[in-house]
Amino acid sequence: MIAVLAALQPEISACLGSLEVRRETTIAGFPAFETDGAILCQSGMAMRAREATEAVIASVSPAAVLSVGIAGGLHADLPGGQVVLCERIDHESHRESGVEQTVFSDPRLIEAAEAVAGGMGLPFLRGSSLTIDAVAHGPEVKAHHHAWKAHDIVEMESYWVGAAAVRHGIPFLAVRTISDTATDTLHRTGAMGDDGTFDQGRFLSYIDEHPEAAPDIARMAEVSRLAITNLAIVMAGLLPPLIQHFASDVH
């Protein structure tokens, strides 16, 4: 059994595209989807991911844990849709503490994901991620984050997922696709809840109040769709063989 953690419903849907759901359930209140050989859990954003991961590990004792989803680009040369296989993940709080607590993905899982992405012709790189507790809305904030250790992307969950997995001695992998670049500014629509659900009514209200933002929001929605599409493609190639591998107890 492998466990896949993702914050948002579209990210979970991208992972489920290649799998048959046997049962929808909850684990400690987090939505979860059981398939043959895998459990996928919608953690919601930020530190909720730590609680969700610990609950999943306690519930199913997975042989591997994956953190997947979209991310913001921090490196100016990285385009939307880029697949980033995160070899290392830091948390922003360590910048001030000076304590090195980097989480590393399992090299074998990185190699497996690299083979899948390369074989499917997806733009990918082995890179690094910085987990933060609040959304990096604009270029200035992203530049500040990039200046610390030159991380390639920024997101809000992978450190928490990886730290929990490593603490339990479980192989871990983080896979992200870029949904907004280093130069993009995210609009504060208030539509995405901390639990990873999207409030369409709130989003439409924002558009109604800020019609001048509609073209830019539409442009960024296209980039986000590309990121979700590429995430679905790489997961469709990666999850079935990983499930088979760990089901056979070949480590």
Protein backbone atom coordinates (compact mmCIF):
# COMPACT_ATOMS: atom_id res chain seq x y z
CA MET A 1 0.00 0.00 0.00
CA ILE A 2 1.25 3.46 -0.89
CA ALA A 3 -0.18 6.75 0.38
CA VAL A 4 -0.63 9.88 -1.73
CA LEU A 5 -1.26 13.22 -0.01
CA ALA A 6 -2.52 16.26 -1.92
CA ALA A 7 -3.99 19.49 -0.61
CA LEU A 8 -6.62 20.32 -3.22
CA GLN A 9 -9.49 18.42 -4.80
CA PRO A 10 -8.21 18.98 -8.40
CA GLU A 11 -4.84 17.52 -7.36
CA ILE A 12 -6.54 14.42 -5.96
CA SER A 13 -8.61 14.09 -9.14
CA ALA A 14 -5.44 14.29 -11.22
CA CYS A 15 -3.99 11.34 -9.28
CA LEU A 16 -7.17 9.29 -9.45
CA GLY A 17 -7.37 9.47 -13.24
CA SER A 18 -5.38 6.24 -13.69
CA LEU A 19 -6.87 4.36 -10.73
CA GLU A 20 -10.19 2.74 -9.90
CA VAL A 21 -11.70 3.99 -6.65
CA ARG A 22 -12.87 1.10 -4.50
CA ARG A 23 -14.20 3.16 -1.61
CA GLU A 24 -14.57 6.78 -0.55
CA THR A 25 -14.00 7.28 3.15
CA THR A 26 -12.41 9.62 5.67
CA ILE A 27 -9.31 9.29 7.82
CA ALA A 28 -9.41 11.46 10.93
CA GLY A 29 -11.90 13.65 9.10
CA PHE A 30 -9.82 14.03 5.93
CA PRO A 31 -11.42 12.85 2.66
CA ALA A 32 -9.76 9.67 1.41
CA PHE A 33 -10.06 7.40 -1.62
CA GLU A 34 -9.11 3.76 -1.51
CA THR A 35 -7.87 1.98 -4.64
CA ASP A 36 -6.16 -1.35 -5.12
CA GLY A 37 -2.82 -0.79 -3.45
CA ALA A 38 -3.13 2.92 -2.67
CA ILE A 39 -4.85 5.42 -0.41
CA LEU A 40 -5.22 9.01 -1.58
CA CYS A 41 -5.95 11.67 1.03
CA GLN A 42 -7.00 15.29 0.54
CA SER A 43 -5.13 17.00 3.34
CA GLY A 44 -6.04 20.61 2.81
CA MET A 45 -3.37 23.27 2.93
CA ALA A 46 -0.32 24.03 5.06
CA MET A 47 0.11 22.34 8.45
CA ARG A 48 -3.10 20.35 8.00
CA ALA A 49 -0.90 18.11 5.85
CA ARG A 50 1.13 17.05 8.90
CA GLU A 51 -1.97 15.91 10.76
CA ALA A 52 -3.33 14.16 7.67
CA THR A 53 -0.07 12.33 7.00
CA GLU A 54 0.25 11.13 10.58
CA ALA A 55 -3.36 9.90 10.47
CA VAL A 56 -2.84 8.06 7.19
CA ILE A 57 0.37 6.42 8.43
CA ALA A 58 -1.37 5.29 11.63
CA SER A 59 -4.34 3.98 9.65
CA VAL A 60 -2.74 2.04 6.79
CA SER A 61 1.01 1.76 7.50
CA PRO A 62 1.98 2.62 3.91
CA ALA A 63 5.17 1.33 2.29
CA ALA A 64 5.75 4.70 0.59
CA VAL A 65 4.35 8.22 0.95
CA LEU A 66 4.00 10.77 -1.87
CA SER A 67 3.28 14.48 -1.63
CA VAL A 68 1.91 15.73 -4.95
CA GLY A 69 0.31 18.86 -6.32
CA ILE A 70 0.85 22.22 -7.95
CA ALA A 71 3.36 24.84 -6.84
CA GLY A 72 4.61 28.35 -7.46
CA GLY A 73 7.80 28.82 -9.44
CA LEU A 74 10.69 30.62 -7.76
CA HIS A 75 13.27 30.38 -10.53
CA ALA A 76 12.74 32.86 -13.37
CA ASP A 77 13.51 30.29 -16.08
CA LEU A 78 10.90 27.74 -15.00
CA PRO A 79 7.70 27.83 -17.11
CA GLY A 80 4.18 26.95 -16.15
CA GLY A 81 3.48 23.24 -16.36
CA GLN A 82 7.06 22.25 -15.47
CA VAL A 83 7.29 19.02 -13.49
CA VAL A 84 9.62 19.29 -10.49
CA LEU A 85 10.85 16.14 -8.78
CA CYS A 86 11.84 17.48 -5.38
CA GLU A 87 15.09 15.97 -4.15
CA ARG A 88 15.07 18.19 -1.05
CA ILE A 89 12.45 20.20 0.80
CA ASP A 90 12.99 22.87 3.44
CA HIS A 91 10.57 24.84 5.58
CA GLU A 92 10.69 28.63 5.70
CA SER A 93 10.91 28.71 9.51
CA HIS A 94 14.40 27.19 9.35
CA ARG A 95 15.67 30.31 7.62
CA GLU A 96 15.56 32.24 10.87
CA SER A 97 16.33 29.37 13.25
CA GLY A 98 19.49 28.37 11.43
CA VAL A 99 18.64 24.73 12.10
CA GLU A 100 19.15 22.39 9.14
CA GLN A 101 16.10 20.12 8.96
CA THR A 102 15.94 19.41 5.24
CA VAL A 103 13.73 16.51 4.14
CA PHE A 104 15.00 14.41 1.24
CA SER A 105 13.03 12.32 -1.23
CA ASP A 106 14.02 8.68 -1.63
CA PRO A 107 16.55 8.42 -4.50
CA ARG A 108 14.87 5.32 -5.93
CA LEU A 109 11.51 7.05 -6.07
CA ILE A 110 13.11 10.08 -7.70
CA GLU A 111 14.64 7.81 -10.37
CA ALA A 112 11.30 6.11 -10.99
CA ALA A 113 9.52 9.44 -11.41
CA GLU A 114 12.30 10.75 -13.64
CA ALA A 115 11.97 7.74 -15.95
CA VAL A 116 8.22 8.26 -16.22
CA ALA A 117 8.39 12.01 -16.91
CA GLY A 118 11.20 11.59 -19.42
CA GLY A 119 9.48 8.73 -21.17
CA MET A 120 6.32 10.79 -21.59
CA GLY A 121 8.16 13.81 -22.93
CA LEU A 122 7.14 16.09 -20.06
CA PRO A 123 9.35 19.06 -19.13
CA PHE A 124 10.87 18.10 -15.80
CA LEU A 125 13.81 18.70 -13.53
CA ARG A 126 15.27 17.38 -10.33
CA GLY A 127 14.91 20.33 -8.03
CA SER A 128 14.09 21.61 -4.59
CA SER A 129 11.06 23.00 -2.83
CA LEU A 130 10.43 25.44 -0.02
CA THR A 131 7.34 24.80 2.09
CA ILE A 132 5.74 27.96 3.48
CA ASP A 133 2.75 28.62 5.73
CA ALA A 134 1.11 31.42 3.74
CA VAL A 135 0.59 31.80 -0.01
CA ALA A 136 3.38 33.60 -1.90
CA HIS A 137 1.15 35.98 -3.82
CA GLY A 138 3.65 38.08 -5.79
CA PRO A 139 7.10 38.32 -7.38
CA GLU A 140 8.62 40.20 -4.45
CA VAL A 141 7.68 37.52 -1.93
CA LYS A 142 8.82 34.78 -4.30
CA ALA A 143 12.15 36.52 -4.82
CA HIS A 144 12.59 36.72 -1.04
CA HIS A 145 11.99 32.99 -0.73
CA HIS A 146 14.31 32.18 -3.64
CA ALA A 147 17.13 34.23 -2.12
CA TRP A 148 17.56 31.87 0.83
CA LYS A 149 18.69 28.59 -0.78
CA ALA A 150 17.70 29.13 -4.42
CA HIS A 151 14.79 26.69 -4.18
CA ASP A 152 13.04 26.05 -7.48
CA ILE A 153 9.45 26.08 -6.24
CA VAL A 154 7.32 27.06 -3.29
CA GLU A 155 4.31 25.20 -1.86
CA MET A 156 2.62 24.63 1.48
CA GLU A 157 2.59 20.92 2.32
CA SER A 158 5.50 18.77 1.15
CA TYR A 159 7.78 19.44 4.11
CA TRP A 160 5.09 18.36 6.57
CA VAL A 161 4.28 15.22 4.57
CA GLY A 162 7.94 14.32 4.10
CA ALA A 163 8.92 14.97 7.71
CA ALA A 164 6.17 12.66 8.94
CA ALA A 165 7.16 9.92 6.49
CA VAL A 166 10.86 10.16 7.33
CA ARG A 167 10.11 10.15 11.05
CA HIS A 168 8.41 6.77 10.56
CA GLY A 169 11.16 5.43 8.29
CA ILE A 170 8.94 5.38 5.20
CA PRO A 171 10.31 6.19 1.70
CA PHE A 172 9.04 9.59 0.55
CA LEU A 173 8.70 11.45 -2.74
CA ALA A 174 7.46 14.95 -3.60
CA VAL A 175 6.25 15.69 -7.14
CA ARG A 176 5.00 19.15 -8.08
CA THR A 177 3.99 20.97 -11.25
CA ILE A 178 4.27 24.75 -11.63
CA SER A 179 0.94 26.57 -11.76
CA ASP A 180 2.23 30.14 -11.36
CA THR A 181 5.66 31.41 -12.32
CA ALA A 182 8.15 33.56 -10.45
CA THR A 183 6.79 36.70 -12.14
CA ASP A 184 3.07 35.97 -11.65
CA THR A 185 0.91 37.67 -9.03
CA LEU A 186 -1.87 35.58 -7.52
CA HIS A 187 -5.19 37.29 -6.98
CA ARG A 188 -6.58 37.15 -3.46
CA THR A 189 -10.02 35.84 -4.38
CA GLY A 190 -10.60 34.06 -1.08
CA ALA A 191 -12.18 31.19 -3.01
CA MET A 192 -9.86 28.40 -1.85
CA GLY A 193 -10.51 27.16 1.66
CA ASP A 194 -7.88 25.78 4.02
CA ASP A 195 -9.43 22.34 3.55
CA GLY A 196 -8.67 22.45 -0.18
CA THR A 197 -12.22 23.04 -1.40
CA PHE A 198 -13.10 25.74 -3.94
CA ASP A 199 -15.94 28.20 -3.26
CA GLN A 200 -17.26 29.12 -6.70
CA GLY A 201 -19.69 31.69 -5.33
CA ARG A 202 -16.91 33.58 -3.59
CA PHE A 203 -14.79 33.41 -6.73
CA LEU A 204 -17.58 34.81 -8.91
CA SER A 205 -18.20 37.57 -6.37
CA TYR A 206 -14.53 38.56 -6.61
CA ILE A 207 -14.73 38.71 -10.41
CA ASP A 208 -17.89 40.80 -10.18
CA GLU A 209 -16.16 43.25 -7.84
CA HIS A 210 -12.88 43.27 -9.79
CA PRO A 211 -13.76 42.91 -13.49
CA GLU A 212 -10.38 44.37 -14.49
CA ALA A 213 -8.72 41.25 -13.06
CA ALA A 214 -10.67 38.83 -15.25
CA PRO A 215 -8.20 38.65 -18.19
CA ASP A 216 -5.23 37.96 -15.93
CA ILE A 217 -7.18 35.40 -13.92
CA ALA A 218 -8.19 33.67 -17.16
CA ARG A 219 -4.56 33.57 -18.31
CA MET A 220 -3.38 32.09 -15.04
CA ALA A 221 -6.23 29.58 -15.07
CA GLU A 222 -4.83 28.22 -18.35
CA VAL A 223 -1.41 27.79 -16.77
CA SER A 224 -2.97 26.08 -13.77
CA ARG A 225 -4.87 23.72 -16.08
CA LEU A 226 -1.61 22.83 -17.79
CA ALA A 227 -0.03 22.13 -14.40
CA ILE A 228 -2.92 19.86 -13.39
CA THR A 229 -2.83 18.11 -16.77
CA ASN A 230 0.89 17.41 -16.49
CA LEU A 231 0.42 16.24 -12.92
CA ALA A 232 -2.24 13.80 -14.12
CA ILE A 233 0.05 12.52 -16.88
CA VAL A 234 3.03 11.88 -14.61
CA MET A 235 0.86 10.28 -11.93
CA ALA A 236 -0.82 8.01 -14.49
CA GLY A 237 2.62 6.74 -15.45
CA LEU A 238 4.07 6.59 -11.95
CA LEU A 239 1.38 5.30 -9.58
CA PRO A 240 0.51 1.92 -11.18
CA PRO A 241 4.11 0.62 -11.25
CA LEU A 242 4.78 1.96 -7.75
CA ILE A 243 1.67 0.20 -6.46
CA GLN A 244 2.77 -3.02 -8.13
CA HIS A 245 6.32 -2.67 -6.82
CA PHE A 246 5.38 -2.19 -3.19
CA ALA A 247 2.57 -4.77 -3.36
CA SER A 248 5.16 -7.35 -4.39
CA ASP A 249 7.37 -6.44 -1.39
CA VAL A 250 10.37 -5.85 -3.66
CA HIS A 251 12.24 -3.01 -1.93
